[in-house]
C-alpha atoms as a PDB file:
ATOM      1  CA  MET A   1     -57.313 396.146 -18.233  1.00  0.00           C
ATOM      2  CA  THR A   2     -55.123 393.344 -17.035  1.00  0.00           C
ATOM      3  CA  ALA A   3     -53.735 390.528 -19.149  1.00  0.00           C
ATOM      4  CA  MET A   4     -56.087 388.091 -17.414  1.00  0.00           C
ATOM      5  CA  GLU A   5     -59.146 390.172 -18.275  1.00  0.00           C
ATOM      6  CA  ARG A   6     -57.988 390.436 -21.885  1.00  0.00           C
ATOM      7  CA  SER A   7     -57.560 386.688 -22.199  1.00  0.00           C
ATOM      8  CA  GLU A   8     -60.979 386.100 -20.623  1.00  0.00           C
ATOM      9  CA  LEU A   9     -62.559 388.563 -23.034  1.00  0.00           C
ATOM     10  CA  GLN A  10     -60.764 386.973 -25.953  1.00  0.00           C
ATOM     11  CA  GLU A  11     -62.013 383.516 -24.916  1.00  0.00           C
ATOM     12  CA  LEU A  12     -65.520 384.899 -24.558  1.00  0.00           C
ATOM     13  CA  LEU A  13     -65.363 386.442 -28.032  1.00  0.00           C
ATOM     14  CA  VAL A  14     -64.131 383.157 -29.492  1.00  0.00           C
ATOM     15  CA  ARG A  15     -67.036 381.271 -27.889  1.00  0.00           C
ATOM     16  CA  ILE A  16     -69.523 383.879 -29.118  1.00  0.00           C
ATOM     17  CA  ASP A  17     -68.077 383.643 -32.614  1.00  0.00           C
ATOM     18  CA  GLU A  18     -68.339 379.844 -32.587  1.00  0.00           C
ATOM     19  CA  ARG A  19     -71.940 380.037 -31.389  1.00  0.00           C
ATOM     20  CA  VAL A  20     -72.856 382.563 -34.088  1.00  0.00           C
ATOM     21  CA  LYS A  21     -71.320 380.304 -36.743  1.00  0.00           C
ATOM     22  CA  ALA A  22     -73.284 377.341 -35.375  1.00  0.00           C
ATOM     23  CA  ILE A  23     -76.523 379.350 -35.478  1.00  0.00           C
ATOM     24  CA  GLN A  24     -75.813 380.460 -39.046  1.00  0.00           C
ATOM     25  CA  GLU A  25     -75.242 376.846 -40.081  1.00  0.00           C
ATOM     26  CA  ASP A  26     -78.503 375.793 -38.401  1.00  0.00           C
ATOM     27  CA  ILE A  27     -80.391 378.537 -40.220  1.00  0.00           C
ATOM     28  CA  ARG A  28     -78.804 377.506 -43.529  1.00  0.00           C
ATOM     29  CA  GLU A  29     -79.897 373.886 -42.964  1.00  0.00           C
ATOM     30  CA  ILE A  30     -83.440 374.966 -42.054  1.00  0.00           C
ATOM     31  CA  ASN A  31     -83.712 377.149 -45.159  1.00  0.00           C
ATOM     32  CA  GLN A  32     -82.514 374.308 -47.379  1.00  0.00           C
ATOM     33  CA  ALA A  33     -84.992 371.889 -45.812  1.00  0.00           C
ATOM     34  CA  ARG A  34     -87.891 374.337 -46.202  1.00  0.00           C
ATOM     35  CA  GLN A  35     -87.550 374.773 -49.958  1.00  0.00           C
ATOM     36  CA  CYS A  36     -90.828 373.767 -51.455  1.00  0.00           C
ATOM     37  CA  ALA A  37     -91.169 372.479 -55.019  1.00  0.00           C
ATOM     38  CA  SER A  38     -94.522 374.191 -55.519  1.00  0.00           C
ATOM     39  CA  HIS A  39     -92.992 377.558 -54.596  1.00  0.00           C
ATOM     40  CA  GLN A  40     -90.208 377.026 -57.098  1.00  0.00           C
ATOM     41  CA  VAL A  41     -92.790 376.248 -59.797  1.00  0.00           C
ATOM     42  CA  LYS A  42     -94.769 379.380 -58.926  1.00  0.00           C
ATOM     43  CA  ILE A  43     -91.641 381.526 -59.022  1.00  0.00           C
ATOM     44  CA  ARG A  44     -90.605 380.008 -62.365  1.00  0.00           C
ATOM     45  CA  THR A  45     -94.096 380.703 -63.760  1.00  0.00           C
ATOM     46  CA  LEU A  46     -93.980 384.299 -62.536  1.00  0.00           C
ATOM     47  CA  GLU A  47     -90.540 384.781 -64.085  1.00  0.00           C
ATOM     48  CA  ARG A  48     -91.848 383.495 -67.417  1.00  0.00           C
ATOM     49  CA  LEU A  49     -94.855 385.827 -67.216  1.00  0.00           C
ATOM     50  CA  VAL A  50     -92.633 388.815 -66.494  1.00  0.00           C
ATOM     51  CA  TRP A  51     -90.237 388.004 -69.338  1.00  0.00           C
ATOM     52  CA  GLY A  52     -93.178 387.392 -71.680  1.00  0.00           C
ATOM     53  CA  CYS A  53     -94.747 390.728 -70.789  1.00  0.00           C
ATOM     54  CA  LEU A  54     -91.394 392.435 -71.200  1.00  0.00           C
ATOM     55  CA  ALA A  55     -90.930 390.872 -74.637  1.00  0.00           C
ATOM     56  CA  GLY A  56     -94.464 391.922 -75.611  1.00  0.00           C
ATOM     57  CA  VAL A  57     -93.898 395.507 -74.519  1.00  0.00           C
ATOM     58  CA  ALA A  58     -90.555 395.594 -76.340  1.00  0.00           C
ATOM     59  CA  GLY A  59     -92.214 394.245 -79.495  1.00  0.00           C
ATOM     60  CA  LEU A  60     -95.014 396.782 -79.237  1.00  0.00           C
ATOM     61  CA  GLY A  61     -92.483 399.567 -78.722  1.00  0.00           C
ATOM     62  CA  ALA A  62     -90.499 398.413 -81.756  1.00  0.00           C
ATOM     63  CA  ARG A  63     -93.664 398.333 -83.876  1.00  0.00           C
ATOM     64  CA  ILE A  64     -94.618 401.856 -82.757  1.00  0.00           C
ATOM     65  CA  VAL A  65     -91.147 403.117 -83.637  1.00  0.00           C
ATOM     66  CA  TRP A  66     -91.293 401.310 -86.984  1.00  0.00           C
ATOM     67  CA  GLU A  67     -94.729 402.756 -87.828  1.00  0.00           C
ATOM     68  CA  THR A  68     -93.581 406.225 -86.795  1.00  0.00           C
ATOM     69  CA  LEU A  69     -90.528 406.059 -89.049  1.00  0.00           C
ATOM     70  CA  LYS A  70     -92.505 404.770 -92.072  1.00  0.00           C
END
């Protein structure tokens, strides 16, 4: 491979890298613009349900252990 071919390939790689970075930035902007408040509320509600169920199961488990040790 000649020096000229190497420099051409290097320039091509630099342009590809710049284009990939530009595409990533565009995707990041699209994802930020698409965030929906109702989805965030639904996710927050689901998180609360999961943590509530987990706390209930932990409480039930503690009560079972307590009754077993009595």
